Amino acid sequence: MAKNKKHILVVDDVTTNLRYIGEVLKDKYTLSMAKSATQALKLMEKSIPDLILLDIKMPVMDGYEMLKTLKGDARYSEVPVIFLTADADEENETKGLRMGASDFIKKPFVPEVMLSRIERILSQEEKNKEIRLMALKDPLTGLWNRTYIEDKVNEYASAGMKGSFMLLDLDNFKGINDTFGHVAGDEALVAFGKTLSSFVHKDDVVARIGGDEFAVFLKGAVGEKLLGDRIGGLIKDVEEKLNVVKVDTTISSVSVGISEMPANGNSFIELYNKADTAMYYVKRNGKHGYRFYSGQERMLILDGNAEDKSVLDLSQLRRYIDEDVPEDGPYKVEYNSFKNIYRFLKRYAERTKTDVQILLFTVKNLAVASDEDNLPAAMEALSDSIKKALRKNDVSSMYSGCQYLVILMDVSDENRKIVLDRILKFWDRFNTNEDVLLKYDIEEIMETEESSSEVTVG
């Protein structure tokens, strides 16, 4: 297939039509021919065309049915379709346009009209691709954004590929903005992005998640033995580049958390959450380093000197609840209320052998400007989501300025998933800020800490 020629797939059950169209287009475009929608879809599995010329009236599956199939498949939904028809009925033309057809070419074909319409649609599609591409780029650094890397990682996971997901965060970035100004802060982010881009290979993905948080997916590369020295070198290189933009070395270090696919998860949200936990451990233990997720980070964090006690993980919270915490603990009102409910339900679960599950939701702000600005609105969105999704016999309570607790009564794993899906669906509707992520931990009250799971959603 010629590299400089656009690829057009022509679908028509009449051989003479295929031959005629081929004669008109062969010098300007690379062509594939199909005599049925079924045959066309099989061809598209091997090569996705730039444009489809699609006859409406065909046996078995007509053009409308094929168009509906294309629009329902993420692989083909953006491919422009021009209908071929001998029908002059405006109602059918309107139907096709509403379904997503780009244009119509009437039979009998007029070569000049056909070429003109094809050129117009292909030109418009190039502009549309540029717009879609811009929407997936971070405007400051030129890197991919969170949407792109999330889709790409999920695509790799679906294909059964291995890889490492790295989450990188500039330590004390707020200090860079406060000390040197936002211009220097932006320069630091751009330098950070350029260094990451030089670190990766062709099929790897580099993205700015939000604020000073960046992510890298290394396709096919796993294991600390293989990547440890390389990541250590990257950290050193980043810090040297930041010094070039005259950022004080005391605030220009970087912390990195790494998770692996499929060992730590088979989706972006699972890998992000594990890498975030590992990175959080690095930050709690001196910053300026990296850690591969091991599953032990949460208990190790408990023994460290926490700088930020406003965010707990679920295992930490359960440990506090099961102990005799003094009445003057840090969350006196919320803690006592929840402790009573939790202990009652724990006894209830033991006595009745009933499934009782506890969820801890945490909203995480990725914005550069402030650690607090987005949280009130995000917590309101989360509160509304939980209120809409929960049943009357469930329990919920705000635990802190960025965390919400939910107890689900008498739930199977399937029912729990239904409730979670409802909460997340409402969250997607109510949360309008892309700088905020929603994390949640889940545990059965009667299970051990090792059985818990953590997930992060946008």
Protein backbone atom coordinates (compact mmCIF):
# COMPACT_ATOMS: atom_id res chain seq x y z
CA MET A 1 0.00 0.00 0.00
CA ALA A 2 1.50 3.31 -1.10
CA LYS A 3 2.45 5.43 1.91
CA ASN A 4 1.43 8.77 0.42
CA LYS A 5 -1.93 7.63 -0.90
CA LYS A 6 -5.10 7.61 1.17
CA HIS A 7 -6.75 4.21 1.51
CA ILE A 8 -10.38 3.92 0.41
CA LEU A 9 -12.56 0.86 0.99
CA VAL A 10 -15.39 0.50 -1.56
CA VAL A 11 -18.36 -1.69 -0.57
CA ASP A 12 -20.94 -2.53 -3.25
CA ASP A 13 -22.61 -5.82 -4.17
CA VAL A 14 -22.63 -4.93 -7.89
CA THR A 15 -19.36 -5.86 -9.65
CA THR A 16 -19.75 -3.27 -12.43
CA ASN A 17 -20.00 -0.49 -9.82
CA LEU A 18 -16.80 -1.66 -8.15
CA ARG A 19 -14.99 -1.73 -11.49
CA TYR A 20 -16.21 1.73 -12.48
CA ILE A 21 -15.25 3.29 -9.13
CA GLY A 22 -11.89 1.55 -9.34
CA GLU A 23 -11.18 3.10 -12.75
CA VAL A 24 -12.05 6.58 -11.45
CA LEU A 25 -10.02 6.39 -8.23
CA LYS A 26 -7.11 3.99 -8.88
CA ASP A 27 -4.54 6.64 -9.89
CA LYS A 28 -5.12 8.82 -6.85
CA TYR A 29 -5.96 6.41 -4.02
CA THR A 30 -5.10 2.97 -2.70
CA LEU A 31 -8.27 0.87 -3.01
CA SER A 32 -9.79 -2.17 -1.33
CA MET A 33 -12.97 -3.72 -2.72
CA ALA A 34 -15.72 -5.70 -0.95
CA LYS A 35 -18.98 -7.13 -2.31
CA SER A 36 -20.69 -7.33 1.08
CA ALA A 37 -20.65 -5.68 4.49
CA THR A 38 -19.39 -8.90 6.06
CA GLN A 39 -16.45 -9.06 3.67
CA ALA A 40 -15.71 -5.36 4.27
CA LEU A 41 -15.61 -5.80 8.06
CA LYS A 42 -13.16 -8.69 7.68
CA LEU A 43 -10.90 -6.53 5.51
CA MET A 44 -11.01 -3.77 8.11
CA GLU A 45 -9.67 -6.11 10.78
CA LYS A 46 -6.43 -6.22 8.78
CA SER A 47 -6.29 -2.60 7.61
CA ILE A 48 -8.44 0.36 8.64
CA PRO A 49 -9.12 2.64 5.65
CA ASP A 50 -9.12 6.44 5.59
CA LEU A 51 -12.57 6.52 3.96
CA ILE A 52 -15.38 4.09 3.12
CA LEU A 53 -17.65 4.32 0.07
CA LEU A 54 -20.66 2.29 1.13
CA ASP A 55 -23.63 1.14 -0.95
CA ILE A 56 -26.92 1.39 0.95
CA LYS A 57 -28.91 -1.41 -0.67
CA MET A 58 -27.11 -4.71 -0.17
CA PRO A 59 -28.36 -8.18 0.80
CA VAL A 60 -27.98 -9.64 4.32
CA MET A 61 -26.51 -6.46 5.87
CA ASP A 62 -27.36 -3.18 4.18
CA GLY A 63 -25.40 0.07 4.37
CA TYR A 64 -27.36 1.46 7.32
CA GLU A 65 -26.69 -1.69 9.36
CA MET A 66 -22.99 -1.63 8.52
CA LEU A 67 -22.74 2.06 9.44
CA LYS A 68 -24.39 1.31 12.78
CA THR A 69 -21.84 -1.47 13.36
CA LEU A 70 -18.96 0.85 12.52
CA LYS A 71 -20.16 3.62 14.83
CA GLY A 72 -20.50 1.11 17.66
CA ASP A 73 -16.88 -0.06 17.37
CA ALA A 74 -14.22 2.25 18.81
CA ARG A 75 -11.71 1.06 16.20
CA TYR A 76 -13.83 2.29 13.28
CA SER A 77 -16.14 4.94 14.69
CA GLU A 78 -14.05 7.85 13.38
CA VAL A 79 -13.65 6.51 9.83
CA PRO A 80 -15.72 8.74 7.48
CA VAL A 81 -18.39 7.02 5.40
CA ILE A 82 -19.89 8.25 2.12
CA PHE A 83 -23.06 6.46 1.08
CA LEU A 84 -23.54 5.32 -2.52
CA THR A 85 -27.18 5.34 -3.58
CA ALA A 86 -29.51 5.50 -6.57
CA ASP A 87 -32.33 6.58 -4.25
CA ALA A 88 -33.28 10.26 -4.48
CA ASP A 89 -35.43 10.09 -1.33
CA GLU A 90 -34.42 12.99 0.97
CA GLU A 91 -35.77 11.13 3.99
CA ASN A 92 -33.26 8.31 3.48
CA GLU A 93 -30.47 10.85 3.04
CA THR A 94 -31.47 12.56 6.29
CA LYS A 95 -31.52 9.19 8.06
CA GLY A 96 -27.99 8.43 6.89
CA LEU A 97 -26.64 11.82 7.97
CA ARG A 98 -28.23 11.43 11.40
CA MET A 99 -26.57 8.05 11.77
CA GLY A 100 -23.18 9.61 11.07
CA ALA A 101 -22.61 9.39 7.31
CA SER A 102 -20.36 12.17 6.00
CA ASP A 103 -21.99 12.57 2.58
CA PHE A 104 -23.88 10.89 -0.29
CA ILE A 105 -22.81 10.17 -3.87
CA LYS A 106 -25.67 9.51 -6.24
CA LYS A 107 -25.77 6.82 -8.93
CA PRO A 108 -25.09 6.90 -11.83
CA PHE A 109 -21.68 8.23 -10.80
CA VAL A 110 -20.23 11.43 -12.20
CA PRO A 111 -16.41 11.15 -11.89
CA GLU A 112 -15.81 14.85 -11.17
CA VAL A 113 -18.50 14.92 -8.48
CA MET A 114 -17.20 11.72 -6.89
CA LEU A 115 -13.60 12.98 -6.76
CA SER A 116 -14.64 16.37 -5.44
CA ARG A 117 -16.72 14.93 -2.59
CA ILE A 118 -14.07 12.41 -1.63
CA GLU A 119 -11.36 15.10 -1.55
CA ARG A 120 -13.56 17.37 0.56
CA ILE A 121 -14.33 14.68 3.13
CA LEU A 122 -10.71 13.52 3.36
CA SER A 123 -9.53 17.11 3.79
CA GLN A 124 -12.09 17.67 6.54
CA GLU A 125 -11.07 14.42 8.22
CA GLU A 126 -7.43 15.60 8.32
CA LYS A 127 -8.57 18.72 10.16
CA ASN A 128 -10.70 16.60 12.49
CA LYS A 129 -7.71 14.37 13.26
CA GLU A 130 -5.62 17.42 14.12
CA ILE A 131 -8.36 18.65 16.45
CA ARG A 132 -8.70 15.24 18.11
CA LEU A 133 -4.92 15.04 18.45
CA MET A 134 -4.77 18.48 20.06
CA ALA A 135 -7.44 17.39 22.54
CA LEU A 136 -5.13 14.55 23.64
CA LYS A 137 -2.08 16.78 24.14
CA ASP A 138 -1.02 18.74 27.19
CA PRO A 139 -0.83 22.37 26.01
CA LEU A 140 2.15 23.32 28.20
CA THR A 141 4.54 20.42 27.64
CA GLY A 142 3.24 19.00 24.36
CA LEU A 143 3.09 15.54 25.94
CA TRP A 144 0.06 13.27 25.84
CA ASN A 145 -2.60 13.92 28.45
CA ARG A 146 -4.26 11.57 30.93
CA THR A 147 -7.02 10.56 28.52
CA TYR A 148 -4.52 9.34 25.94
CA ILE A 149 -2.30 7.33 28.27
CA GLU A 150 -5.34 5.81 29.97
CA ASP A 151 -6.73 4.63 26.63
CA LYS A 152 -3.32 3.40 25.44
CA VAL A 153 -2.54 1.45 28.61
CA ASN A 154 -5.99 -0.16 28.52
CA GLU A 155 -5.41 -1.02 24.86
CA TYR A 156 -2.08 -2.66 25.70
CA ALA A 157 -3.71 -4.53 28.58
CA SER A 158 -6.48 -5.85 26.33
CA ALA A 159 -3.80 -7.15 23.96
CA GLY A 160 -2.17 -9.06 26.83
CA MET A 161 1.05 -7.03 26.77
CA LYS A 162 3.50 -6.59 29.63
CA GLY A 163 4.91 -3.28 30.77
CA SER A 164 5.78 -0.94 33.62
CA PHE A 165 3.74 2.07 34.66
CA MET A 166 5.72 4.91 36.24
CA LEU A 167 4.17 7.78 38.17
CA LEU A 168 6.55 10.71 38.67
CA ASP A 169 6.04 13.77 40.84
CA LEU A 170 8.25 16.83 41.38
CA ASP A 171 8.94 17.13 45.10
CA ASN A 172 7.80 20.39 46.70
CA PHE A 173 6.69 21.84 43.37
CA LYS A 174 4.55 24.43 45.12
CA GLY A 175 7.81 25.78 46.57
CA ILE A 176 9.16 26.28 43.05
CA ASN A 177 6.18 28.45 42.15
CA ASP A 178 6.26 30.31 45.46
CA THR A 179 10.04 30.97 45.40
CA PHE A 180 10.74 31.55 41.72
CA GLY A 181 7.30 32.32 40.28
CA HIS A 182 4.97 30.47 37.93
CA VAL A 183 7.11 31.17 34.86
CA ALA A 184 9.97 29.22 36.42
CA GLY A 185 7.47 26.57 37.48
CA ASP A 186 6.28 26.18 33.90
CA GLU A 187 9.89 26.01 32.68
CA ALA A 188 10.53 23.24 35.18
CA LEU A 189 7.53 21.27 33.94
CA VAL A 190 8.61 21.66 30.31
CA ALA A 191 12.16 20.56 31.17
CA PHE A 192 10.74 17.61 33.10
CA GLY A 193 8.62 16.60 30.09
CA LYS A 194 11.54 16.85 27.63
CA THR A 195 13.73 14.70 29.85
CA LEU A 196 11.04 12.04 30.10
CA SER A 197 10.57 12.07 26.33
CA SER A 198 14.28 11.37 25.81
CA PHE A 199 14.06 8.49 28.31
CA VAL A 200 11.50 6.38 26.44
CA HIS A 201 11.46 4.21 23.31
CA LYS A 202 9.17 4.48 20.29
CA ASP A 203 6.23 2.45 21.60
CA ASP A 204 6.38 3.84 25.15
CA VAL A 205 4.00 6.56 26.29
CA VAL A 206 4.79 9.76 28.22
CA ALA A 207 1.99 11.91 29.60
CA ARG A 208 1.37 14.77 31.96
CA ILE A 209 -1.40 13.58 34.25
CA GLY A 210 -2.00 16.96 35.87
CA GLY A 211 -0.10 19.58 37.84
CA ASP A 212 3.43 18.32 38.45
CA GLU A 213 2.44 14.66 38.10
CA PHE A 214 3.67 12.78 35.03
CA ALA A 215 3.26 9.18 33.90
CA VAL A 216 5.28 6.87 31.67
CA PHE A 217 4.30 3.45 30.35
CA LEU A 218 7.26 1.33 29.29
CA LYS A 219 5.96 -1.27 26.87
CA GLY A 220 7.34 -4.75 27.42
CA ALA A 221 9.86 -3.69 30.08
CA VAL A 222 9.33 -5.10 33.60
CA GLY A 223 11.43 -5.84 36.66
CA GLU A 224 13.62 -3.79 38.99
CA LYS A 225 16.68 -5.68 37.82
CA LEU A 226 16.11 -4.46 34.26
CA LEU A 227 14.85 -0.94 35.03
CA GLY A 228 16.35 0.06 38.39
CA ASP A 229 19.60 1.63 37.14
CA ARG A 230 17.78 3.22 34.21
CA ILE A 231 15.19 4.88 36.47
CA GLY A 232 17.90 5.99 38.90
CA GLY A 233 19.70 7.62 35.98
CA LEU A 234 16.47 9.30 34.89
CA ILE A 235 15.98 10.84 38.34
CA LYS A 236 19.53 12.22 38.28
CA ASP A 237 19.04 13.56 34.75
CA VAL A 238 15.74 15.25 35.67
CA GLU A 239 17.30 17.01 38.64
CA GLU A 240 20.23 18.23 36.54
CA LYS A 241 17.84 19.62 33.91
CA LEU A 242 15.80 21.39 36.57
CA ASN A 243 18.91 23.10 37.88
CA VAL A 244 19.45 24.56 34.40
CA VAL A 245 16.19 26.51 34.81
CA LYS A 246 17.68 27.87 38.05
CA VAL A 247 15.58 25.91 40.50
CA ASP A 248 17.16 25.40 43.90
CA THR A 249 18.44 21.83 44.29
CA THR A 250 16.64 21.48 47.60
CA ILE A 251 13.27 21.62 45.84
CA SER A 252 14.05 20.03 42.50
CA SER A 253 14.06 16.33 43.34
CA VAL A 254 11.63 13.80 41.89
CA SER A 255 9.78 10.84 43.43
CA VAL A 256 8.79 7.84 41.33
CA GLY A 257 6.38 4.96 41.94
CA ILE A 258 6.29 1.97 39.60
CA SER A 259 3.68 -0.74 39.06
CA GLU A 260 3.83 -3.61 36.59
CA MET A 261 1.34 -5.09 34.14
CA PRO A 262 -0.05 -7.68 34.57
CA ALA A 263 1.44 -8.41 38.03
CA ASN A 264 -0.12 -5.33 39.67
CA GLY A 265 -3.15 -4.88 37.41
CA ASN A 266 -4.62 -5.10 33.94
CA SER A 267 -5.98 -1.59 33.56
CA PHE A 268 -4.82 2.00 33.83
CA ILE A 269 -6.73 2.64 37.04
CA GLU A 270 -5.23 -0.39 38.80
CA LEU A 271 -1.70 0.42 37.67
CA TYR A 272 -2.09 4.11 38.54
CA ASN A 273 -3.31 3.28 42.03
CA LYS A 274 -0.44 0.89 42.78
CA ALA A 275 2.16 3.30 41.39
CA ASP A 276 0.60 6.13 43.39
CA THR A 277 0.89 4.05 46.58
CA ALA A 278 4.55 3.32 45.85
CA MET A 279 5.27 6.98 45.09
CA TYR A 280 3.49 8.06 48.27
CA TYR A 281 5.83 5.76 50.20
CA VAL A 282 8.86 7.42 48.57
CA LYS A 283 7.58 10.85 49.54
CA ARG A 284 6.98 9.72 53.12
CA ASN A 285 10.53 8.40 53.35
CA GLY A 286 12.75 11.26 52.24
CA LYS A 287 11.60 11.78 48.63
CA HIS A 288 14.21 11.81 45.83
CA GLY A 289 13.97 8.18 44.76
CA TYR A 290 11.87 5.38 43.30
CA ARG A 291 10.01 2.30 44.49
CA PHE A 292 8.43 -0.66 42.72
CA TYR A 293 5.04 -1.51 44.24
CA SER A 294 5.26 -4.51 46.55
CA GLY A 295 1.98 -4.46 48.49
CA GLN A 296 3.80 -3.70 51.76
CA GLU A 297 3.84 0.08 51.39
CA ARG A 298 0.75 0.80 53.47
CA MET A 299 2.03 -0.90 56.64
CA LEU A 300 5.50 0.59 56.11
CA ILE A 301 3.98 4.05 55.83
CA LEU A 302 2.26 3.57 59.19
CA ASP A 303 5.63 3.34 60.89
CA GLY A 304 7.03 6.47 59.23
CA ASN A 305 6.73 10.13 60.18
CA ALA A 306 3.69 11.26 58.21
CA GLU A 307 3.74 14.82 56.94
CA ASP A 308 0.10 14.76 55.88
CA LYS A 309 -2.29 13.11 58.33
CA SER A 310 -5.42 14.28 56.49
CA VAL A 311 -5.33 11.23 54.18
CA LEU A 312 -5.44 7.65 55.47
CA ASP A 313 -5.69 4.43 53.53
CA LEU A 314 -8.34 1.87 54.38
CA SER A 315 -6.09 -0.59 56.17
CA GLN A 316 -4.71 2.22 58.35
CA LEU A 317 -8.23 3.35 59.20
CA ARG A 318 -9.31 -0.17 60.17
CA ARG A 319 -6.23 -0.57 62.34
CA TYR A 320 -7.10 2.61 64.24
CA ILE A 321 -10.73 1.57 64.67
CA ASP A 322 -9.85 -1.85 66.10
CA GLU A 323 -7.53 -0.26 68.67
CA ASP A 324 -8.39 1.90 71.67
CA VAL A 325 -7.65 5.33 70.24
CA PRO A 326 -7.70 8.17 72.83
CA GLU A 327 -10.72 10.42 72.84
CA ASP A 328 -8.59 13.38 71.75
CA GLY A 329 -7.65 11.66 68.48
CA PRO A 330 -7.30 13.73 65.28
CA TYR A 331 -10.82 13.01 63.96
CA LYS A 332 -12.81 13.02 67.16
CA VAL A 333 -16.40 13.47 65.93
CA GLU A 334 -16.09 11.54 62.71
CA TYR A 335 -14.02 8.82 64.30
CA ASN A 336 -16.34 8.16 67.24
CA SER A 337 -19.45 8.07 65.08
CA PHE A 338 -17.94 5.69 62.63
CA LYS A 339 -16.28 3.52 65.31
CA ASN A 340 -19.64 2.77 66.90
CA ILE A 341 -21.24 1.85 63.58
CA TYR A 342 -18.28 -0.22 62.49
CA ARG A 343 -18.03 -2.23 65.70
CA PHE A 344 -21.75 -2.90 65.71
CA LEU A 345 -21.69 -4.11 62.11
CA LYS A 346 -18.60 -6.22 62.74
CA ARG A 347 -20.44 -8.06 65.51
CA TYR A 348 -23.47 -8.34 63.24
CA ALA A 349 -21.38 -9.85 60.44
CA GLU A 350 -19.73 -12.33 62.82
CA ARG A 351 -23.06 -13.44 64.24
CA THR A 352 -25.04 -13.73 61.01
CA LYS A 353 -22.21 -14.68 58.62
CA THR A 354 -23.40 -11.79 56.45
CA ASP A 355 -21.29 -10.00 53.87
CA VAL A 356 -20.63 -6.46 55.09
CA GLN A 357 -18.18 -4.41 53.04
CA ILE A 358 -16.49 -1.12 53.79
CA LEU A 359 -15.35 1.38 51.17
CA LEU A 360 -13.12 4.41 51.58
CA PHE A 361 -13.34 7.02 48.82
CA THR A 362 -10.55 9.61 48.47
CA VAL A 363 -10.52 12.57 46.09
CA LYS A 364 -7.08 13.60 44.87
CA ASN A 365 -6.38 17.04 43.46
CA LEU A 366 -3.87 17.20 40.58
CA ALA A 367 -4.02 20.97 40.02
CA VAL A 368 -0.82 22.97 40.34
CA ALA A 369 -2.24 26.16 41.80
CA SER A 370 -3.59 24.85 45.09
CA ASP A 371 -3.93 21.70 47.09
CA GLU A 372 -7.37 22.71 48.30
CA ASP A 373 -9.22 24.72 45.63
CA ASN A 374 -10.82 21.76 43.88
CA LEU A 375 -11.58 19.61 46.90
CA PRO A 376 -14.82 21.18 48.21
CA ALA A 377 -16.55 20.94 44.82
CA ALA A 378 -15.19 17.41 44.31
CA MET A 379 -16.41 16.31 47.75
CA GLU A 380 -19.83 17.77 47.01
CA ALA A 381 -19.89 15.79 43.74
CA LEU A 382 -18.86 12.65 45.61
CA SER A 383 -21.48 13.25 48.31
CA ASP A 384 -24.20 13.66 45.69
CA SER A 385 -22.98 10.52 43.88
CA ILE A 386 -23.10 8.42 47.04
CA LYS A 387 -26.48 9.80 48.04
CA LYS A 388 -27.94 8.94 44.64
CA ALA A 389 -26.40 5.47 44.46
CA LEU A 390 -26.77 3.98 47.95
CA ARG A 391 -29.65 1.91 49.26
CA LYS A 392 -31.54 2.75 52.44
CA ASN A 393 -29.77 0.03 54.45
CA ASP A 394 -26.24 1.23 53.56
CA VAL A 395 -24.25 3.66 55.68
CA SER A 396 -22.18 6.65 54.59
CA SER A 397 -20.20 9.37 56.35
CA MET A 398 -17.73 12.09 55.40
CA TYR A 399 -14.48 11.21 57.14
CA SER A 400 -12.29 14.19 56.26
CA GLY A 401 -12.08 17.05 53.80
CA CYS A 402 -11.10 14.62 51.05
CA GLN A 403 -12.46 11.24 52.17
CA TYR A 404 -15.85 9.53 52.40
CA LEU A 405 -16.77 6.25 54.08
CA VAL A 406 -19.42 3.82 52.89
CA ILE A 407 -20.60 0.56 54.46
CA LEU A 408 -22.53 -1.82 52.22
CA MET A 409 -24.86 -4.24 53.97
CA ASP A 410 -25.69 -7.77 52.80
CA VAL A 411 -23.88 -7.56 49.47
CA SER A 412 -22.43 -10.20 47.21
CA ASP A 413 -19.45 -9.38 44.99
CA GLU A 414 -21.86 -8.93 42.07
CA ASN A 415 -24.13 -6.55 44.01
CA ARG A 416 -21.13 -4.62 45.28
CA LYS A 417 -20.03 -4.07 41.69
CA ILE A 418 -23.51 -2.80 40.81
CA VAL A 419 -23.41 -0.27 43.66
CA LEU A 420 -19.89 0.83 42.74
CA ASP A 421 -20.83 1.23 39.09
CA ARG A 422 -23.76 3.42 40.14
CA ILE A 423 -21.54 5.62 42.31
CA LEU A 424 -18.94 5.98 39.57
CA LYS A 425 -21.57 6.73 36.95
CA PHE A 426 -22.95 9.56 39.08
CA TRP A 427 -19.39 10.72 39.82
CA ASP A 428 -18.68 11.02 36.09
CA ARG A 429 -21.85 13.09 35.77
CA PHE A 430 -21.37 15.37 38.78
CA ASN A 431 -17.59 15.89 38.75
CA THR A 432 -16.70 18.46 36.09
CA ASN A 433 -13.03 18.97 37.02
CA GLU A 434 -10.49 16.82 35.16
CA ASP A 435 -7.81 17.77 37.72
CA VAL A 436 -9.52 15.59 40.33
CA LEU A 437 -9.14 11.82 40.59
CA LEU A 438 -11.33 9.54 42.68
CA LYS A 439 -9.67 6.63 44.50
CA TYR A 440 -11.41 3.92 46.48
CA ASP A 441 -10.41 0.99 48.69
CA ILE A 442 -12.69 -1.98 49.37
CA GLU A 443 -12.56 -4.60 52.10
CA GLU A 444 -14.93 -7.11 53.60
CA ILE A 445 -15.18 -6.48 57.34
CA MET A 446 -14.54 -10.15 58.10
CA GLU A 447 -11.56 -10.49 55.73
CA THR A 448 -7.86 -9.81 56.30
CA GLU A 449 -6.04 -6.75 55.09
CA GLU A 450 -4.40 -8.70 52.26
CA SER A 451 -7.81 -9.16 50.62
CA SER A 452 -8.38 -5.47 50.02
CA SER A 453 -8.29 -3.83 46.60
CA GLU A 454 -7.60 -0.27 45.50
CA VAL A 455 -8.78 1.54 42.38
CA THR A 456 -8.47 5.05 40.96
CA VAL A 457 -10.89 6.67 38.50
CA GLY A 458 -11.00 10.03 36.75
